[in-house]
Protein backbone atom coordinates (compact mmCIF):
# COMPACT_ATOMS: atom_id res chain seq x y z
CA MET A 1 -9.79 10.84 -32.85
CA GLY A 2 -12.96 9.71 -30.88
CA ASN A 3 -11.74 6.37 -30.22
CA LEU A 4 -8.48 7.62 -28.53
CA LEU A 5 -10.50 10.20 -26.40
CA LEU A 6 -12.79 7.02 -25.16
CA GLN A 7 -9.59 4.99 -24.32
CA MET A 8 -8.25 8.23 -22.43
CA LEU A 9 -11.45 8.40 -20.50
CA ALA A 10 -11.41 4.71 -19.47
CA GLY A 11 -7.82 5.14 -18.32
CA THR A 12 -8.79 8.28 -16.42
CA VAL A 13 -11.72 6.14 -14.73
CA THR A 14 -9.28 3.35 -13.86
CA SER A 15 -6.88 5.55 -12.45
CA LEU A 16 -9.33 7.24 -10.15
CA LYS A 17 -10.64 4.19 -8.94
CA ILE A 18 -7.11 3.06 -8.10
CA PHE A 19 -6.61 6.32 -6.34
CA ILE A 20 -9.90 6.22 -4.38
CA LEU A 21 -9.48 2.83 -3.15
CA THR A 22 -5.92 3.19 -2.28
CA LEU A 23 -6.66 5.88 0.00
CA LEU A 24 -9.82 4.30 1.40
CA PHE A 25 -7.92 1.31 2.60
CA SER A 26 -4.19 2.80 3.23
CA LEU A 27 -5.28 5.60 5.67
CA PRO A 28 -6.79 3.24 8.28
CA LEU A 29 -4.23 0.57 7.68
CA GLY A 30 -1.60 3.45 8.19
CA LEU A 31 -3.19 4.24 11.33
CA LEU A 32 -3.19 0.66 12.93
CA VAL A 33 0.54 0.38 11.63
CA ALA A 34 1.37 3.53 13.42
CA LYS A 35 -0.05 2.08 16.55
CA GLY A 36 1.71 -0.99 16.20
CA ARG A 37 5.00 1.12 15.66
CA MET A 38 4.40 2.94 18.95
CA SER A 39 3.48 -0.25 20.95
CA LYS A 40 5.20 -0.97 23.96
CA ASN A 41 5.66 -4.79 23.14
CA PRO A 42 9.05 -4.91 21.60
CA ILE A 43 8.04 -7.77 19.24
CA ILE A 44 5.07 -5.84 17.62
CA SER A 45 7.03 -2.65 17.41
CA ASN A 46 10.27 -4.43 15.81
CA MET A 47 8.07 -6.39 13.41
CA VAL A 48 6.12 -3.20 12.41
CA ASN A 49 9.34 -1.36 12.17
CA MET A 50 10.77 -4.10 9.88
CA TYR A 51 7.62 -3.98 7.62
CA ILE A 52 7.95 -0.09 7.32
CA MET A 53 11.61 -0.34 6.62
CA ILE A 54 10.85 -2.85 3.65
CA MET A 55 7.96 -1.04 2.30
CA ARG A 56 9.77 2.41 2.36
CA GLY A 57 13.11 1.06 1.28
CA THR A 58 12.16 -0.84 -1.79
CA PRO A 59 10.76 0.47 -5.09
CA LEU A 60 6.94 0.40 -5.57
CA ILE A 61 7.54 -1.41 -8.89
CA LEU A 62 9.32 -4.30 -7.22
CA GLN A 63 6.52 -4.38 -4.67
CA LEU A 64 3.92 -4.59 -7.41
CA LEU A 65 5.74 -7.45 -9.14
CA PHE A 66 6.18 -9.53 -5.80
CA VAL A 67 2.36 -8.96 -5.24
CA TYR A 68 1.18 -9.99 -8.67
CA PHE A 69 3.67 -12.82 -9.15
CA ALA A 70 4.39 -14.20 -5.73
CA PRO A 71 0.88 -15.70 -5.01
CA TYR A 72 1.29 -17.88 -8.20
CA TYR A 73 4.48 -19.21 -7.23
CA ILE A 74 3.73 -19.83 -3.75
CA PHE A 75 0.27 -20.90 -3.74
CA GLY A 76 -0.39 -21.85 -7.25
CA THR A 77 -3.06 -19.37 -7.77
CA SER A 78 -3.14 -15.68 -8.67
CA TYR A 79 -5.49 -12.80 -8.95
CA ASP A 80 -6.17 -10.17 -11.50
CA ARG A 81 -3.84 -7.00 -12.29
CA PHE A 82 -6.41 -4.57 -10.65
CA THR A 83 -6.35 -6.47 -7.28
CA ALA A 84 -2.80 -6.70 -7.33
CA VAL A 85 -2.27 -2.97 -8.09
CA ILE A 86 -4.71 -2.28 -5.15
CA VAL A 87 -3.02 -4.53 -2.47
CA GLY A 88 0.28 -3.26 -3.69
CA PHE A 89 -0.42 0.29 -3.47
CA VAL A 90 -2.21 0.02 -0.17
CA ILE A 91 0.62 -1.84 1.61
CA ASN A 92 3.13 0.54 0.18
CA TYR A 93 1.29 3.76 1.06
CA ALA A 94 0.09 2.28 4.43
CA ALA A 95 3.78 2.37 5.52
CA TYR A 96 4.29 6.00 4.63
CA PHE A 97 0.93 7.02 6.32
CA ALA A 98 2.17 5.20 9.39
CA GLU A 99 5.16 7.38 9.60
CA ILE A 100 3.30 10.32 9.03
CA TYR A 101 0.67 9.54 11.67
CA ARG A 102 3.46 8.38 14.23
CA GLY A 103 5.44 11.71 13.65
CA GLY A 104 2.14 13.64 14.12
CA ILE A 105 1.09 11.73 17.27
CA GLN A 106 4.62 11.99 19.03
CA SER A 107 4.73 15.67 18.23
CA ILE A 108 2.06 16.35 20.46
CA PRO A 109 3.09 17.18 23.99
């Protein structure tokens, strides 16, 4: 029983680390993406819009698999699972936060 509680505590700590790091990186990145989405330059605006559509339109698990496995097949190197989860969550949630920021900014008269 004690071993199970220690494992659950370790999992809780890992989940909290993922949550905090995701918020720490995705909130500012989302603001930058929102600024790019509202850019008057059509190239930047269209590229950022495509990024947002892809990130919001594909399942998170597919994005996590891509972030974890793609560097190995493209560059021949990879990184650990924790880093892949952080990168995957950050790029996913930054797209959602960008739309939240954009909607909030554009609603101000």
